[in-house]
N, C-alpha and C. Protein backbone atom coordinates (compact mmCIF):
# COMPACT_ATOMS: atom_id res chain seq x y z
N UNK A 1 108.43 203.86 6.98
CA UNK A 1 108.44 202.50 6.49
C UNK A 1 107.04 201.89 6.54
N UNK A 2 106.26 202.25 7.56
CA UNK A 2 104.89 201.72 7.65
C UNK A 2 104.09 202.17 6.44
N UNK A 3 104.24 203.42 6.08
CA UNK A 3 103.52 203.95 4.92
C UNK A 3 103.95 203.24 3.65
N UNK A 4 105.24 203.08 3.47
CA UNK A 4 105.75 202.41 2.27
C UNK A 4 105.26 200.97 2.20
N UNK A 5 105.27 200.27 3.33
CA UNK A 5 104.80 198.88 3.35
C UNK A 5 103.31 198.79 3.00
N UNK A 6 102.51 199.71 3.54
CA UNK A 6 101.08 199.72 3.23
C UNK A 6 100.84 200.02 1.76
N UNK A 7 101.57 200.98 1.21
CA UNK A 7 101.41 201.32 -0.20
C UNK A 7 101.87 200.16 -1.09
N UNK A 8 102.89 199.44 -0.66
CA UNK A 8 103.34 198.27 -1.43
C UNK A 8 102.29 197.18 -1.46
N UNK A 9 101.64 196.95 -0.32
CA UNK A 9 100.57 195.94 -0.27
C UNK A 9 99.43 196.30 -1.22
N UNK A 10 99.15 197.60 -1.34
CA UNK A 10 98.05 198.07 -2.19
C UNK A 10 98.46 198.23 -3.65
N UNK A 11 99.74 197.96 -3.97
CA UNK A 11 100.29 198.17 -5.32
C UNK A 11 100.01 199.58 -5.81
N UNK A 12 100.23 200.55 -4.94
CA UNK A 12 99.95 201.95 -5.26
C UNK A 12 101.06 202.50 -6.15
N UNK A 13 100.66 203.09 -7.26
CA UNK A 13 101.62 203.76 -8.14
C UNK A 13 101.06 205.08 -8.64
N UNK A 14 100.20 205.70 -7.85
CA UNK A 14 99.59 206.97 -8.20
C UNK A 14 100.51 208.13 -7.85
N UNK A 15 100.73 208.98 -8.81
CA UNK A 15 101.60 210.13 -8.61
C UNK A 15 101.08 211.06 -7.53
N UNK A 16 99.75 211.17 -7.45
CA UNK A 16 99.12 212.07 -6.48
C UNK A 16 99.48 211.68 -5.04
N UNK A 17 99.73 210.41 -4.82
CA UNK A 17 100.09 209.92 -3.49
C UNK A 17 101.61 209.89 -3.29
N UNK A 18 102.33 209.46 -4.32
CA UNK A 18 103.77 209.27 -4.19
C UNK A 18 104.55 210.59 -4.13
N UNK A 19 104.11 211.61 -4.87
CA UNK A 19 104.86 212.87 -4.88
C UNK A 19 104.91 213.53 -3.49
N UNK A 20 103.77 213.69 -2.79
CA UNK A 20 103.88 214.28 -1.44
C UNK A 20 104.70 213.42 -0.47
N UNK A 21 104.63 212.10 -0.64
CA UNK A 21 105.42 211.21 0.21
C UNK A 21 106.92 211.44 -0.02
N UNK A 22 107.32 211.57 -1.27
CA UNK A 22 108.73 211.82 -1.57
C UNK A 22 109.17 213.19 -1.04
N UNK A 23 108.31 214.18 -1.13
CA UNK A 23 108.66 215.51 -0.63
C UNK A 23 108.86 215.46 0.88
N UNK A 24 108.00 214.72 1.59
CA UNK A 24 108.15 214.59 3.05
C UNK A 24 109.37 213.77 3.43
N UNK A 25 109.77 212.86 2.57
CA UNK A 25 110.93 212.00 2.83
C UNK A 25 112.26 212.72 2.56
N UNK A 26 112.23 213.76 1.77
CA UNK A 26 113.45 214.44 1.33
C UNK A 26 114.37 214.89 2.47
N UNK A 27 113.90 215.48 3.56
CA UNK A 27 114.84 215.88 4.62
C UNK A 27 115.57 214.71 5.27
N UNK A 28 114.99 213.51 5.21
CA UNK A 28 115.59 212.35 5.86
C UNK A 28 116.44 211.51 4.91
N UNK A 29 116.04 211.46 3.63
CA UNK A 29 116.77 210.68 2.63
C UNK A 29 116.82 211.47 1.33
N UNK A 30 117.64 212.52 1.28
CA UNK A 30 117.60 213.42 0.13
C UNK A 30 118.01 212.80 -1.20
N UNK A 31 119.01 211.93 -1.20
CA UNK A 31 119.52 211.40 -2.46
C UNK A 31 118.54 210.43 -3.11
N UNK A 32 118.02 209.51 -2.34
CA UNK A 32 117.07 208.54 -2.91
C UNK A 32 115.76 209.23 -3.28
N UNK A 33 115.37 210.24 -2.49
CA UNK A 33 114.14 210.98 -2.81
C UNK A 33 114.29 211.71 -4.15
N UNK A 34 115.45 212.33 -4.36
CA UNK A 34 115.68 213.05 -5.61
C UNK A 34 115.68 212.09 -6.79
N UNK A 35 116.28 210.93 -6.62
CA UNK A 35 116.31 209.95 -7.72
C UNK A 35 114.93 209.41 -8.03
N UNK A 36 114.16 209.08 -6.99
CA UNK A 36 112.80 208.60 -7.20
C UNK A 36 111.91 209.69 -7.80
N UNK A 37 112.16 210.93 -7.42
CA UNK A 37 111.41 212.06 -7.98
C UNK A 37 111.61 212.12 -9.51
N UNK A 38 112.84 211.92 -9.94
CA UNK A 38 113.13 211.91 -11.38
C UNK A 38 112.50 210.68 -12.06
N UNK A 39 112.52 209.54 -11.38
CA UNK A 39 111.99 208.30 -11.97
C UNK A 39 110.47 208.33 -12.16
N UNK A 40 109.76 209.10 -11.35
CA UNK A 40 108.31 209.15 -11.54
C UNK A 40 107.91 210.21 -12.57
N UNK A 41 108.91 210.82 -13.20
CA UNK A 41 108.61 211.68 -14.35
C UNK A 41 108.72 213.16 -14.14
N UNK A 42 109.26 213.61 -13.04
CA UNK A 42 109.42 215.05 -12.81
C UNK A 42 110.74 215.52 -13.40
N UNK A 43 110.70 216.68 -14.05
CA UNK A 43 111.92 217.21 -14.67
C UNK A 43 112.61 218.24 -13.78
N UNK A 44 111.88 218.79 -12.81
CA UNK A 44 112.48 219.77 -11.90
C UNK A 44 113.08 219.05 -10.70
N UNK A 45 113.81 219.80 -9.90
CA UNK A 45 114.41 219.24 -8.70
C UNK A 45 113.34 219.08 -7.61
N UNK A 46 113.50 218.07 -6.78
CA UNK A 46 112.56 217.87 -5.67
C UNK A 46 112.69 218.99 -4.65
N UNK A 47 113.85 219.66 -4.64
CA UNK A 47 114.06 220.76 -3.71
C UNK A 47 113.24 221.99 -4.07
N UNK A 48 112.78 222.06 -5.32
CA UNK A 48 111.94 223.17 -5.75
C UNK A 48 110.46 222.93 -5.45
N UNK A 49 110.09 221.72 -5.09
CA UNK A 49 108.69 221.39 -4.82
C UNK A 49 108.28 221.97 -3.47
N UNK A 50 107.02 222.38 -3.41
CA UNK A 50 106.53 222.94 -2.15
C UNK A 50 106.07 221.81 -1.22
N UNK A 51 106.26 222.04 0.06
CA UNK A 51 105.90 221.03 1.06
C UNK A 51 104.37 220.87 1.08
N UNK A 52 103.85 219.65 1.20
CA UNK A 52 102.39 219.44 1.20
C UNK A 52 101.72 220.10 2.41
N UNK A 53 100.48 220.55 2.20
CA UNK A 53 99.70 221.13 3.30
C UNK A 53 99.22 220.03 4.23
N UNK A 54 99.07 220.38 5.49
CA UNK A 54 98.62 219.42 6.50
C UNK A 54 97.12 219.56 6.68
N UNK A 55 96.40 218.44 6.60
CA UNK A 55 94.98 218.43 6.90
C UNK A 55 94.82 217.82 8.28
N UNK A 56 94.62 218.68 9.28
CA UNK A 56 94.61 218.23 10.68
C UNK A 56 93.43 217.34 11.02
N UNK A 57 92.44 217.28 10.16
CA UNK A 57 91.29 216.41 10.45
C UNK A 57 91.71 214.94 10.42
N UNK A 58 92.79 214.61 9.71
CA UNK A 58 93.28 213.23 9.67
C UNK A 58 94.09 212.87 10.93
N UNK A 59 94.47 213.86 11.71
CA UNK A 59 95.30 213.62 12.88
C UNK A 59 94.50 213.37 14.14
N UNK A 60 93.19 213.53 14.09
CA UNK A 60 92.34 213.36 15.26
C UNK A 60 92.00 211.88 15.42
N UNK A 61 92.30 211.35 16.60
CA UNK A 61 92.02 209.95 16.89
C UNK A 61 90.53 209.75 17.14
N UNK A 62 89.96 208.72 16.55
CA UNK A 62 88.55 208.40 16.75
C UNK A 62 88.37 207.25 17.72
N UNK A 63 89.39 206.39 17.81
CA UNK A 63 89.29 205.23 18.70
C UNK A 63 90.66 204.94 19.31
N UNK A 64 90.64 204.09 20.33
CA UNK A 64 91.88 203.73 21.03
C UNK A 64 91.85 202.24 21.34
N UNK A 65 92.97 201.57 21.15
CA UNK A 65 93.09 200.14 21.44
C UNK A 65 93.57 200.00 22.88
N UNK A 66 92.63 199.65 23.77
CA UNK A 66 92.92 199.55 25.19
C UNK A 66 93.44 198.16 25.55
N UNK A 67 94.55 198.08 26.29
CA UNK A 67 94.94 196.79 26.85
C UNK A 67 94.02 196.48 28.04
N UNK A 68 93.54 195.26 28.10
CA UNK A 68 92.65 194.84 29.18
C UNK A 68 93.44 193.93 30.12
N UNK A 69 93.51 194.33 31.38
CA UNK A 69 94.23 193.54 32.38
C UNK A 69 93.23 192.95 33.36
N UNK A 70 93.44 191.69 33.70
CA UNK A 70 92.65 191.03 34.73
C UNK A 70 93.62 190.70 35.86
N UNK A 71 93.30 191.19 37.06
CA UNK A 71 94.17 191.01 38.23
C UNK A 71 95.57 191.58 37.96
N UNK A 72 95.67 192.65 37.20
CA UNK A 72 96.94 193.31 36.98
C UNK A 72 97.78 192.75 35.85
N UNK A 73 97.33 191.69 35.18
CA UNK A 73 98.09 191.11 34.07
C UNK A 73 97.32 191.33 32.77
N UNK A 74 98.00 191.87 31.76
CA UNK A 74 97.37 192.13 30.47
C UNK A 74 96.99 190.81 29.82
N UNK A 75 95.73 190.69 29.45
CA UNK A 75 95.23 189.44 28.87
C UNK A 75 94.75 189.60 27.43
N UNK A 76 94.24 190.78 27.08
CA UNK A 76 93.72 191.00 25.74
C UNK A 76 93.70 192.49 25.44
N UNK A 77 93.24 192.84 24.25
CA UNK A 77 93.09 194.23 23.84
C UNK A 77 91.73 194.39 23.18
N UNK A 78 91.12 195.56 23.39
CA UNK A 78 89.84 195.87 22.76
C UNK A 78 89.87 197.33 22.31
N UNK A 79 89.24 197.59 21.17
CA UNK A 79 89.20 198.95 20.65
C UNK A 79 87.86 199.60 20.95
N UNK A 80 87.93 200.83 21.48
CA UNK A 80 86.73 201.57 21.81
C UNK A 80 86.85 203.00 21.28
N UNK A 81 85.70 203.64 21.07
CA UNK A 81 85.67 205.04 20.65
C UNK A 81 86.23 205.90 21.78
N UNK A 82 86.93 206.95 21.40
CA UNK A 82 87.53 207.86 22.38
C UNK A 82 86.46 208.47 23.28
N UNK A 83 85.30 208.77 22.72
CA UNK A 83 84.25 209.42 23.50
C UNK A 83 83.25 208.44 24.11
N UNK A 84 83.62 207.15 24.18
CA UNK A 84 82.73 206.15 24.78
C UNK A 84 82.57 206.36 26.27
N UNK A 85 81.40 206.01 26.80
CA UNK A 85 81.16 206.16 28.24
C UNK A 85 81.73 204.96 28.99
N UNK A 86 81.99 205.17 30.26
CA UNK A 86 82.54 204.11 31.11
C UNK A 86 81.57 202.93 31.19
N UNK A 87 80.28 203.22 31.25
CA UNK A 87 79.28 202.15 31.36
C UNK A 87 79.28 201.27 30.11
N UNK A 88 79.33 201.89 28.93
CA UNK A 88 79.36 201.12 27.68
C UNK A 88 80.61 200.26 27.60
N UNK A 89 81.73 200.85 27.94
CA UNK A 89 83.01 200.14 27.87
C UNK A 89 83.04 199.00 28.88
N UNK A 90 82.55 199.25 30.10
CA UNK A 90 82.52 198.21 31.12
C UNK A 90 81.66 197.03 30.68
N UNK A 91 80.50 197.33 30.11
CA UNK A 91 79.61 196.26 29.65
C UNK A 91 80.27 195.44 28.55
N UNK A 92 80.93 196.10 27.60
CA UNK A 92 81.59 195.39 26.51
C UNK A 92 82.74 194.53 27.02
N UNK A 93 83.52 195.08 27.95
CA UNK A 93 84.66 194.33 28.49
C UNK A 93 84.20 193.10 29.26
N UNK A 94 83.21 193.28 30.12
CA UNK A 94 82.76 192.16 30.95
C UNK A 94 82.03 191.09 30.15
N UNK A 95 81.57 191.41 28.94
CA UNK A 95 80.92 190.42 28.09
C UNK A 95 81.88 189.78 27.09
N UNK A 96 83.14 190.18 27.11
CA UNK A 96 84.15 189.61 26.22
C UNK A 96 84.49 188.20 26.67
N UNK A 97 84.62 187.27 25.72
CA UNK A 97 84.89 185.86 26.04
C UNK A 97 86.20 185.67 26.78
N UNK A 98 87.23 186.35 26.35
CA UNK A 98 88.56 186.19 26.97
C UNK A 98 88.53 186.70 28.41
N UNK A 99 87.89 187.84 28.62
CA UNK A 99 87.79 188.41 29.97
C UNK A 99 86.99 187.47 30.86
N UNK A 100 85.89 186.96 30.35
CA UNK A 100 85.06 186.05 31.14
C UNK A 100 85.84 184.78 31.50
N UNK A 101 86.68 184.30 30.59
CA UNK A 101 87.48 183.10 30.86
C UNK A 101 88.45 183.35 32.02
N UNK A 102 89.11 184.53 32.02
CA UNK A 102 90.09 184.82 33.06
C UNK A 102 89.44 185.20 34.38
N UNK A 103 88.19 185.67 34.34
CA UNK A 103 87.48 186.00 35.58
C UNK A 103 86.99 184.75 36.29
N UNK A 104 86.85 183.65 35.58
CA UNK A 104 86.47 182.34 36.13
C UNK A 104 85.16 182.41 36.91
N UNK A 105 84.22 183.23 36.48
CA UNK A 105 82.92 183.31 37.12
C UNK A 105 82.87 184.10 38.41
N UNK A 106 83.98 184.71 38.81
CA UNK A 106 84.03 185.49 40.05
C UNK A 106 83.41 186.86 39.82
N UNK A 107 82.81 187.46 40.85
CA UNK A 107 82.23 188.80 40.69
C UNK A 107 83.33 189.87 40.62
N UNK A 108 83.01 190.96 39.97
CA UNK A 108 83.96 192.07 39.81
C UNK A 108 83.99 192.88 41.10
N UNK A 109 85.19 193.01 41.68
CA UNK A 109 85.36 193.85 42.87
C UNK A 109 85.55 195.30 42.46
N UNK A 110 86.34 195.48 41.40
CA UNK A 110 86.66 196.84 40.98
C UNK A 110 86.93 196.87 39.48
N UNK A 111 86.39 197.87 38.81
CA UNK A 111 86.64 198.08 37.38
C UNK A 111 87.37 199.41 37.25
N UNK A 112 88.60 199.36 36.83
CA UNK A 112 89.42 200.56 36.72
C UNK A 112 89.58 200.91 35.25
N UNK A 113 89.12 202.11 34.90
CA UNK A 113 89.19 202.59 33.53
C UNK A 113 89.97 203.90 33.51
N UNK A 114 91.12 203.89 32.85
CA UNK A 114 91.93 205.09 32.69
C UNK A 114 91.84 205.49 31.23
N UNK A 115 91.13 206.58 30.97
CA UNK A 115 90.86 206.99 29.60
C UNK A 115 92.16 207.22 28.82
N UNK A 116 92.24 206.57 27.66
CA UNK A 116 93.41 206.71 26.80
C UNK A 116 94.61 205.92 27.26
N UNK A 117 94.49 205.09 28.31
CA UNK A 117 95.63 204.33 28.82
C UNK A 117 95.33 202.84 28.86
N UNK A 118 94.47 202.41 29.80
CA UNK A 118 94.21 200.99 29.97
C UNK A 118 92.97 200.73 30.79
N UNK A 119 92.59 199.45 30.84
CA UNK A 119 91.45 199.01 31.64
C UNK A 119 91.93 197.84 32.50
N UNK A 120 91.56 197.86 33.78
CA UNK A 120 91.94 196.79 34.69
C UNK A 120 90.67 196.28 35.39
N UNK A 121 90.52 194.97 35.43
CA UNK A 121 89.39 194.34 36.11
C UNK A 121 89.95 193.57 37.30
N UNK A 122 89.46 193.91 38.49
CA UNK A 122 89.89 193.23 39.71
C UNK A 122 88.76 192.32 40.16
N UNK A 123 89.07 191.03 40.32
CA UNK A 123 88.05 190.06 40.78
C UNK A 123 88.43 189.49 42.12
């Protein structure tokens, strides 16, 4: 549904994009997929179409949206590169306006960074 909603926003009607989407949808919604397959101009059955190849380069995450907690309560979210260093991330978090507001000018006692999970600032 996320894909369909995004394509609807973009007014996408390109066969090159819609055909592989319908083929992937067929195991979950075979009847509507077959009907849409015919409506976009295909004369053969959707069951005869070959499954699209997977390009694994699109599956690799480049960034992660970290929840930022101050004193154990989630206050905001920030996106960082997966391969970012702790020092870079700590500097960016501590300079964020929302984090600074919740820290109320107190010094940081502990900065907890769990890669791929969350960030916690203890003041």
